[in-house]
Amino acid sequence: MIWWCKGRRVTTVVLPGLLVFTLLAVIAHGESVTLPGLLASGTNLLFLMHLTPLIVTGSLTHSLAQRLPEAEDLSMRPVPLYDTALTFCTVLASASVAWVVGALADSSTAFEAARNTLFLTGLMLLAGAVHPQAATVAPVAWVFIAAFVGYRDIRRPWPWAVTLHPAGYVPTFLLCLAVFLCGLLALRHTRRRPTP
């Protein structure tokens, strides 16, 4: 397992990513920027907490892309199980941090970041099952497409723009959880190749 931790760069990529996520969650949980609305008149708000899950997905994408083929190709090593456990624990830790920040600071955007981490990680894993490089692009594309065209008008997101929905909306949470679980299932059954 030591070779796997070193190969996946858990201490040099995933843990620093979690620390940066934590720092930004504490500092930027209420900050927002105004973006022009491309489909509706007026402007859209993009809370910085909508971007913080990309730190988690980026760290995991880079970590999971690292392979040691000579060690991993032996069938006796449960590498997919290790990868699944790493992903689950990373998302659990980051969502817990965001939830604690939300509870302590009374910040709905921090709760949204916890939920969105589930969705965007699941999206990353599903995209990675189709093509390894799509794992990097899919979450980033989703966040920015939702930011620019995800609102009917200010503060009213379209149903498909789940990362913009209010934190307490249960159907959105259940959808995000389902996407995450499907992503874990895809990861468990996908043979990863190193990205060039």
C-alpha atoms as a PDB file:
ATOM      1  CA  MET A   1       0.000   0.000   0.000  1.00  0.00           C
ATOM      2  CA  ILE A   2       2.971   2.326   0.547  1.00  0.00           C
ATOM      3  CA  TRP A   3       3.861   2.087  -3.153  1.00  0.00           C
ATOM      4  CA  TRP A   4       0.242   3.002  -4.010  1.00  0.00           C
ATOM      5  CA  CYS A   5       0.275   6.091  -1.731  1.00  0.00           C
ATOM      6  CA  LYS A   6       3.516   7.249  -3.299  1.00  0.00           C
ATOM      7  CA  GLY A   7       2.340   6.429  -6.812  1.00  0.00           C
ATOM      8  CA  ARG A   8      -0.958   8.282  -6.354  1.00  0.00           C
ATOM      9  CA  ARG A   9       0.867  11.163  -4.681  1.00  0.00           C
ATOM     10  CA  VAL A  10      -1.556  11.200  -1.781  1.00  0.00           C
ATOM     11  CA  THR A  11       0.706  13.301   0.457  1.00  0.00           C
ATOM     12  CA  THR A  12       1.952  15.660  -2.277  1.00  0.00           C
ATOM     13  CA  VAL A  13      -1.271  16.235  -4.264  1.00  0.00           C
ATOM     14  CA  VAL A  14      -4.428  15.124  -2.441  1.00  0.00           C
ATOM     15  CA  LEU A  15      -3.620  16.341   1.086  1.00  0.00           C
ATOM     16  CA  PRO A  16      -2.412  19.792  -0.066  1.00  0.00           C
ATOM     17  CA  GLY A  17      -5.570  20.030  -2.190  1.00  0.00           C
ATOM     18  CA  LEU A  18      -7.675  19.356   0.897  1.00  0.00           C
ATOM     19  CA  LEU A  19      -5.739  21.990   2.850  1.00  0.00           C
ATOM     20  CA  VAL A  20      -6.285  24.604   0.129  1.00  0.00           C
ATOM     21  CA  PHE A  21      -9.981  23.663  -0.023  1.00  0.00           C
ATOM     22  CA  THR A  22     -10.231  24.102   3.757  1.00  0.00           C
ATOM     23  CA  LEU A  23      -8.453  27.459   3.704  1.00  0.00           C
ATOM     24  CA  LEU A  24     -10.678  28.806   0.933  1.00  0.00           C
ATOM     25  CA  ALA A  25     -13.812  27.484   2.600  1.00  0.00           C
ATOM     26  CA  VAL A  26     -12.918  29.374   5.778  1.00  0.00           C
ATOM     27  CA  ILE A  27     -11.886  32.585   4.009  1.00  0.00           C
ATOM     28  CA  ALA A  28     -14.237  32.836   1.012  1.00  0.00           C
ATOM     29  CA  HIS A  29     -17.481  31.230   2.166  1.00  0.00           C
ATOM     30  CA  GLY A  30     -19.506  34.403   1.617  1.00  0.00           C
ATOM     31  CA  GLU A  31     -17.635  36.035  -1.254  1.00  0.00           C
ATOM     32  CA  SER A  32     -19.105  36.372  -4.736  1.00  0.00           C
ATOM     33  CA  VAL A  33     -18.373  37.916  -8.109  1.00  0.00           C
ATOM     34  CA  THR A  34     -20.853  39.314 -10.611  1.00  0.00           C
ATOM     35  CA  LEU A  35     -20.864  37.818 -14.092  1.00  0.00           C
ATOM     36  CA  PRO A  36     -22.801  38.920 -17.154  1.00  0.00           C
ATOM     37  CA  GLY A  37     -25.847  36.816 -17.959  1.00  0.00           C
ATOM     38  CA  LEU A  38     -25.568  35.356 -21.448  1.00  0.00           C
ATOM     39  CA  LEU A  39     -29.160  34.100 -21.776  1.00  0.00           C
ATOM     40  CA  ALA A  40     -31.029  36.416 -19.444  1.00  0.00           C
ATOM     41  CA  SER A  41     -30.761  40.156 -19.058  1.00  0.00           C
ATOM     42  CA  GLY A  42     -28.860  41.432 -16.070  1.00  0.00           C
ATOM     43  CA  THR A  43     -26.096  39.769 -14.121  1.00  0.00           C
ATOM     44  CA  ASN A  44     -25.471  36.460 -12.385  1.00  0.00           C
ATOM     45  CA  LEU A  45     -23.775  35.886  -9.050  1.00  0.00           C
ATOM     46  CA  LEU A  46     -20.983  33.343  -8.828  1.00  0.00           C
ATOM     47  CA  PHE A  47     -20.057  32.556  -5.254  1.00  0.00           C
ATOM     48  CA  LEU A  48     -16.425  31.578  -4.823  1.00  0.00           C
ATOM     49  CA  MET A  49     -17.580  28.507  -2.904  1.00  0.00           C
ATOM     50  CA  HIS A  50     -18.975  27.244  -6.223  1.00  0.00           C
ATOM     51  CA  LEU A  51     -15.372  27.080  -7.465  1.00  0.00           C
ATOM     52  CA  THR A  52     -13.771  25.408  -4.446  1.00  0.00           C
ATOM     53  CA  PRO A  53     -14.936  21.853  -5.323  1.00  0.00           C
ATOM     54  CA  LEU A  54     -12.751  22.162  -8.435  1.00  0.00           C
ATOM     55  CA  ILE A  55      -9.719  21.988  -6.129  1.00  0.00           C
ATOM     56  CA  VAL A  56     -10.900  18.585  -4.934  1.00  0.00           C
ATOM     57  CA  THR A  57     -11.742  17.296  -8.410  1.00  0.00           C
ATOM     58  CA  GLY A  58      -8.457  18.595  -9.818  1.00  0.00           C
ATOM     59  CA  SER A  59      -6.416  16.967  -7.063  1.00  0.00           C
ATOM     60  CA  LEU A  60      -8.235  13.662  -7.440  1.00  0.00           C
ATOM     61  CA  THR A  61      -7.981  13.725 -11.232  1.00  0.00           C
ATOM     62  CA  HIS A  62      -4.241  14.233 -11.076  1.00  0.00           C
ATOM     63  CA  SER A  63      -3.822  11.626  -8.348  1.00  0.00           C
ATOM     64  CA  LEU A  64      -5.875   8.953 -10.104  1.00  0.00           C
ATOM     65  CA  ALA A  65      -4.037   9.552 -13.395  1.00  0.00           C
ATOM     66  CA  GLN A  66      -0.735   8.507 -11.803  1.00  0.00           C
ATOM     67  CA  ARG A  67      -0.029   4.833 -12.425  1.00  0.00           C
ATOM     68  CA  LEU A  68       2.656   2.311 -11.681  1.00  0.00           C
ATOM     69  CA  PRO A  69       1.786  -0.269 -14.361  1.00  0.00           C
ATOM     70  CA  GLU A  70       4.333  -2.880 -13.270  1.00  0.00           C
ATOM     71  CA  ALA A  71       2.865  -2.924  -9.739  1.00  0.00           C
ATOM     72  CA  GLU A  72      -0.794  -2.304 -10.569  1.00  0.00           C
ATOM     73  CA  ASP A  73      -1.200  -4.887 -13.288  1.00  0.00           C
ATOM     74  CA  LEU A  74      -0.826  -7.758 -10.824  1.00  0.00           C
ATOM     75  CA  SER A  75      -4.338  -9.074 -10.230  1.00  0.00           C
ATOM     76  CA  MET A  76      -3.716  -9.737  -6.530  1.00  0.00           C
ATOM     77  CA  ARG A  77      -3.463  -6.019  -5.748  1.00  0.00           C
ATOM     78  CA  PRO A  78      -6.859  -4.356  -5.098  1.00  0.00           C
ATOM     79  CA  VAL A  79      -5.918  -1.066  -6.793  1.00  0.00           C
ATOM     80  CA  PRO A  80      -9.504  -0.159  -7.801  1.00  0.00           C
ATOM     81  CA  LEU A  81     -10.554  -0.593  -4.188  1.00  0.00           C
ATOM     82  CA  TYR A  82      -7.735   1.689  -3.017  1.00  0.00           C
ATOM     83  CA  ASP A  83      -8.662   4.310  -5.622  1.00  0.00           C
ATOM     84  CA  THR A  84     -12.321   4.145  -4.636  1.00  0.00           C
ATOM     85  CA  ALA A  85     -11.451   4.474  -0.944  1.00  0.00           C
ATOM     86  CA  LEU A  86      -9.169   7.451  -1.652  1.00  0.00           C
ATOM     87  CA  THR A  87     -11.893   9.193  -3.640  1.00  0.00           C
ATOM     88  CA  PHE A  88     -14.593   8.481  -1.063  1.00  0.00           C
ATOM     89  CA  CYS A  89     -12.449   9.634   1.873  1.00  0.00           C
ATOM     90  CA  THR A  90     -11.281  12.781   0.065  1.00  0.00           C
ATOM     91  CA  VAL A  91     -14.828  13.797  -0.825  1.00  0.00           C
ATOM     92  CA  LEU A  92     -16.075  12.933   2.662  1.00  0.00           C
ATOM     93  CA  ALA A  93     -13.329  15.065   4.236  1.00  0.00           C
ATOM     94  CA  SER A  94     -13.908  18.058   1.956  1.00  0.00           C
ATOM     95  CA  ALA A  95     -17.701  17.895   2.255  1.00  0.00           C
ATOM     96  CA  SER A  96     -17.358  17.643   6.048  1.00  0.00           C
ATOM     97  CA  VAL A  97     -15.100  20.702   6.137  1.00  0.00           C
ATOM     98  CA  ALA A  98     -17.566  22.689   4.019  1.00  0.00           C
ATOM     99  CA  TRP A  99     -20.460  21.526   6.186  1.00  0.00           C
ATOM    100  CA  VAL A 100     -18.676  22.546   9.405  1.00  0.00           C
ATOM    101  CA  VAL A 101     -17.820  25.953   7.921  1.00  0.00           C
ATOM    102  CA  GLY A 102     -21.451  26.320   6.855  1.00  0.00           C
ATOM    103  CA  ALA A 103     -22.692  25.455  10.338  1.00  0.00           C
ATOM    104  CA  LEU A 104     -20.225  27.701  12.180  1.00  0.00           C
ATOM    105  CA  ALA A 105     -20.492  30.684   9.820  1.00  0.00           C
ATOM    106  CA  ASP A 106     -24.174  30.222   8.962  1.00  0.00           C
ATOM    107  CA  SER A 107     -23.160  30.134   5.299  1.00  0.00           C
ATOM    108  CA  SER A 108     -25.518  28.527   2.807  1.00  0.00           C
ATOM    109  CA  THR A 109     -22.825  28.660   0.106  1.00  0.00           C
ATOM    110  CA  ALA A 110     -20.563  26.469   2.225  1.00  0.00           C
ATOM    111  CA  PHE A 111     -23.359  23.884   2.450  1.00  0.00           C
ATOM    112  CA  GLU A 112     -23.752  24.169  -1.327  1.00  0.00           C
ATOM    113  CA  ALA A 113     -20.012  23.539  -1.741  1.00  0.00           C
ATOM    114  CA  ALA A 114     -20.337  20.342   0.300  1.00  0.00           C
ATOM    115  CA  ARG A 115     -23.159  19.126  -1.936  1.00  0.00           C
ATOM    116  CA  ASN A 116     -21.478  20.324  -5.138  1.00  0.00           C
ATOM    117  CA  THR A 117     -18.298  18.431  -4.258  1.00  0.00           C
ATOM    118  CA  LEU A 118     -20.345  15.231  -4.443  1.00  0.00           C
ATOM    119  CA  PHE A 119     -21.815  16.143  -7.816  1.00  0.00           C
ATOM    120  CA  LEU A 120     -18.652  17.453  -9.474  1.00  0.00           C
ATOM    121  CA  THR A 121     -16.540  14.526  -8.278  1.00  0.00           C
ATOM    122  CA  GLY A 122     -19.129  12.074  -9.587  1.00  0.00           C
ATOM    123  CA  LEU A 123     -19.202  13.971 -12.891  1.00  0.00           C
ATOM    124  CA  MET A 124     -15.389  13.844 -13.033  1.00  0.00           C
ATOM    125  CA  LEU A 125     -15.344  10.084 -12.439  1.00  0.00           C
ATOM    126  CA  LEU A 126     -18.060   9.401 -15.018  1.00  0.00           C
ATOM    127  CA  ALA A 127     -16.292  11.576 -17.597  1.00  0.00           C
ATOM    128  CA  GLY A 128     -12.994   9.859 -16.786  1.00  0.00           C
ATOM    129  CA  ALA A 129     -14.584   6.484 -17.486  1.00  0.00           C
ATOM    130  CA  VAL A 130     -15.320   7.710 -21.016  1.00  0.00           C
ATOM    131  CA  HIS A 131     -11.972   9.412 -21.639  1.00  0.00           C
ATOM    132  CA  PRO A 132      -9.191  10.153 -19.119  1.00  0.00           C
ATOM    133  CA  GLN A 133      -8.722  13.762 -20.210  1.00  0.00           C
ATOM    134  CA  ALA A 134     -12.457  14.447 -19.980  1.00  0.00           C
ATOM    135  CA  ALA A 135     -12.148  13.980 -16.217  1.00  0.00           C
ATOM    136  CA  THR A 136     -10.279  17.272 -15.965  1.00  0.00           C
ATOM    137  CA  VAL A 137     -12.540  19.233 -18.289  1.00  0.00           C
ATOM    138  CA  ALA A 138     -16.027  18.083 -17.248  1.00  0.00           C
ATOM    139  CA  PRO A 139     -16.279  19.638 -13.748  1.00  0.00           C
ATOM    140  CA  VAL A 140     -14.653  22.913 -14.823  1.00  0.00           C
ATOM    141  CA  ALA A 141     -16.895  23.172 -17.885  1.00  0.00           C
ATOM    142  CA  TRP A 142     -19.988  22.440 -15.787  1.00  0.00           C
ATOM    143  CA  VAL A 143     -19.186  25.162 -13.228  1.00  0.00           C
ATOM    144  CA  PHE A 144     -18.573  27.853 -15.832  1.00  0.00           C
ATOM    145  CA  ILE A 145     -21.454  26.893 -18.118  1.00  0.00           C
ATOM    146  CA  ALA A 146     -23.764  26.963 -15.098  1.00  0.00           C
ATOM    147  CA  ALA A 147     -22.318  30.315 -13.998  1.00  0.00           C
ATOM    148  CA  PHE A 148     -22.934  31.988 -17.357  1.00  0.00           C
ATOM    149  CA  VAL A 149     -26.134  30.330 -18.603  1.00  0.00           C
ATOM    150  CA  GLY A 150     -27.518  28.532 -15.558  1.00  0.00           C
ATOM    151  CA  TYR A 151     -29.846  31.292 -14.387  1.00  0.00           C
ATOM    152  CA  ARG A 152     -33.305  32.211 -15.702  1.00  0.00           C
ATOM    153  CA  ASP A 153     -32.796  35.511 -13.921  1.00  0.00           C
ATOM    154  CA  ILE A 154     -30.701  36.543 -10.956  1.00  0.00           C
ATOM    155  CA  ARG A 155     -31.003  34.020  -8.108  1.00  0.00           C
ATOM    156  CA  ARG A 156     -33.306  31.656 -10.087  1.00  0.00           C
ATOM    157  CA  PRO A 157     -31.257  28.793 -11.606  1.00  0.00           C
ATOM    158  CA  TRP A 158     -32.568  26.415 -14.242  1.00  0.00           C
ATOM    159  CA  PRO A 159     -33.378  22.873 -13.033  1.00  0.00           C
ATOM    160  CA  TRP A 160     -30.338  21.400 -14.831  1.00  0.00           C
ATOM    161  CA  ALA A 161     -27.920  23.819 -13.099  1.00  0.00           C
ATOM    162  CA  VAL A 162     -27.820  21.757  -9.906  1.00  0.00           C
ATOM    163  CA  THR A 163     -24.650  23.384  -8.567  1.00  0.00           C
ATOM    164  CA  LEU A 164     -26.538  26.686  -8.299  1.00  0.00           C
ATOM    165  CA  HIS A 165     -29.561  25.336  -6.415  1.00  0.00           C
ATOM    166  CA  PRO A 166     -30.156  26.382  -2.792  1.00  0.00           C
ATOM    167  CA  ALA A 167     -28.435  24.261  -0.174  1.00  0.00           C
ATOM    168  CA  GLY A 168     -31.579  22.901   1.456  1.00  0.00           C
ATOM    169  CA  TYR A 169     -33.222  21.559  -1.698  1.00  0.00           C
ATOM    170  CA  VAL A 170     -33.458  17.800  -1.035  1.00  0.00           C
ATOM    171  CA  PRO A 171     -34.058  16.562  -4.641  1.00  0.00           C
ATOM    172  CA  THR A 172     -30.840  18.288  -5.734  1.00  0.00           C
ATOM    173  CA  PHE A 173     -28.890  16.721  -2.867  1.00  0.00           C
ATOM    174  CA  LEU A 174     -30.239  13.268  -3.770  1.00  0.00           C
ATOM    175  CA  LEU A 175     -29.293  13.793  -7.429  1.00  0.00           C
ATOM    176  CA  CYS A 176     -25.769  14.893  -6.441  1.00  0.00           C
ATOM    177  CA  LEU A 177     -25.403  11.885  -4.159  1.00  0.00           C
ATOM    178  CA  ALA A 178     -26.592   9.558  -6.943  1.00  0.00           C
ATOM    179  CA  VAL A 179     -24.103  11.056  -9.424  1.00  0.00           C
ATOM    180  CA  PHE A 180     -21.301  10.611  -6.886  1.00  0.00           C
ATOM    181  CA  LEU A 181     -22.209   6.976  -6.202  1.00  0.00           C
ATOM    182  CA  CYS A 182     -22.434   6.250  -9.939  1.00  0.00           C
ATOM    183  CA  GLY A 183     -19.014   7.866 -10.337  1.00  0.00           C
ATOM    184  CA  LEU A 184     -17.555   5.631  -7.624  1.00  0.00           C
ATOM    185  CA  LEU A 185     -19.046   2.605  -9.359  1.00  0.00           C
ATOM    186  CA  ALA A 186     -17.536   3.733 -12.674  1.00  0.00           C
ATOM    187  CA  LEU A 187     -14.148   4.227 -11.001  1.00  0.00           C
ATOM    188  CA  ARG A 188     -14.292   0.767  -9.479  1.00  0.00           C
ATOM    189  CA  HIS A 189     -14.760  -0.782 -12.944  1.00  0.00           C
ATOM    190  CA  THR A 190     -12.549   1.506 -15.050  1.00  0.00           C
ATOM    191  CA  ARG A 191      -8.946   0.683 -15.853  1.00  0.00           C
ATOM    192  CA  ARG A 192      -7.140   3.980 -15.727  1.00  0.00           C
ATOM    193  CA  ARG A 193      -4.333   4.813 -18.075  1.00  0.00           C
ATOM    194  CA  PRO A 194      -1.809   7.524 -17.348  1.00  0.00           C
ATOM    195  CA  THR A 195      -2.526  10.785 -19.106  1.00  0.00           C
ATOM    196  CA  PRO A 196       0.202  11.818 -21.550  1.00  0.00           C
END
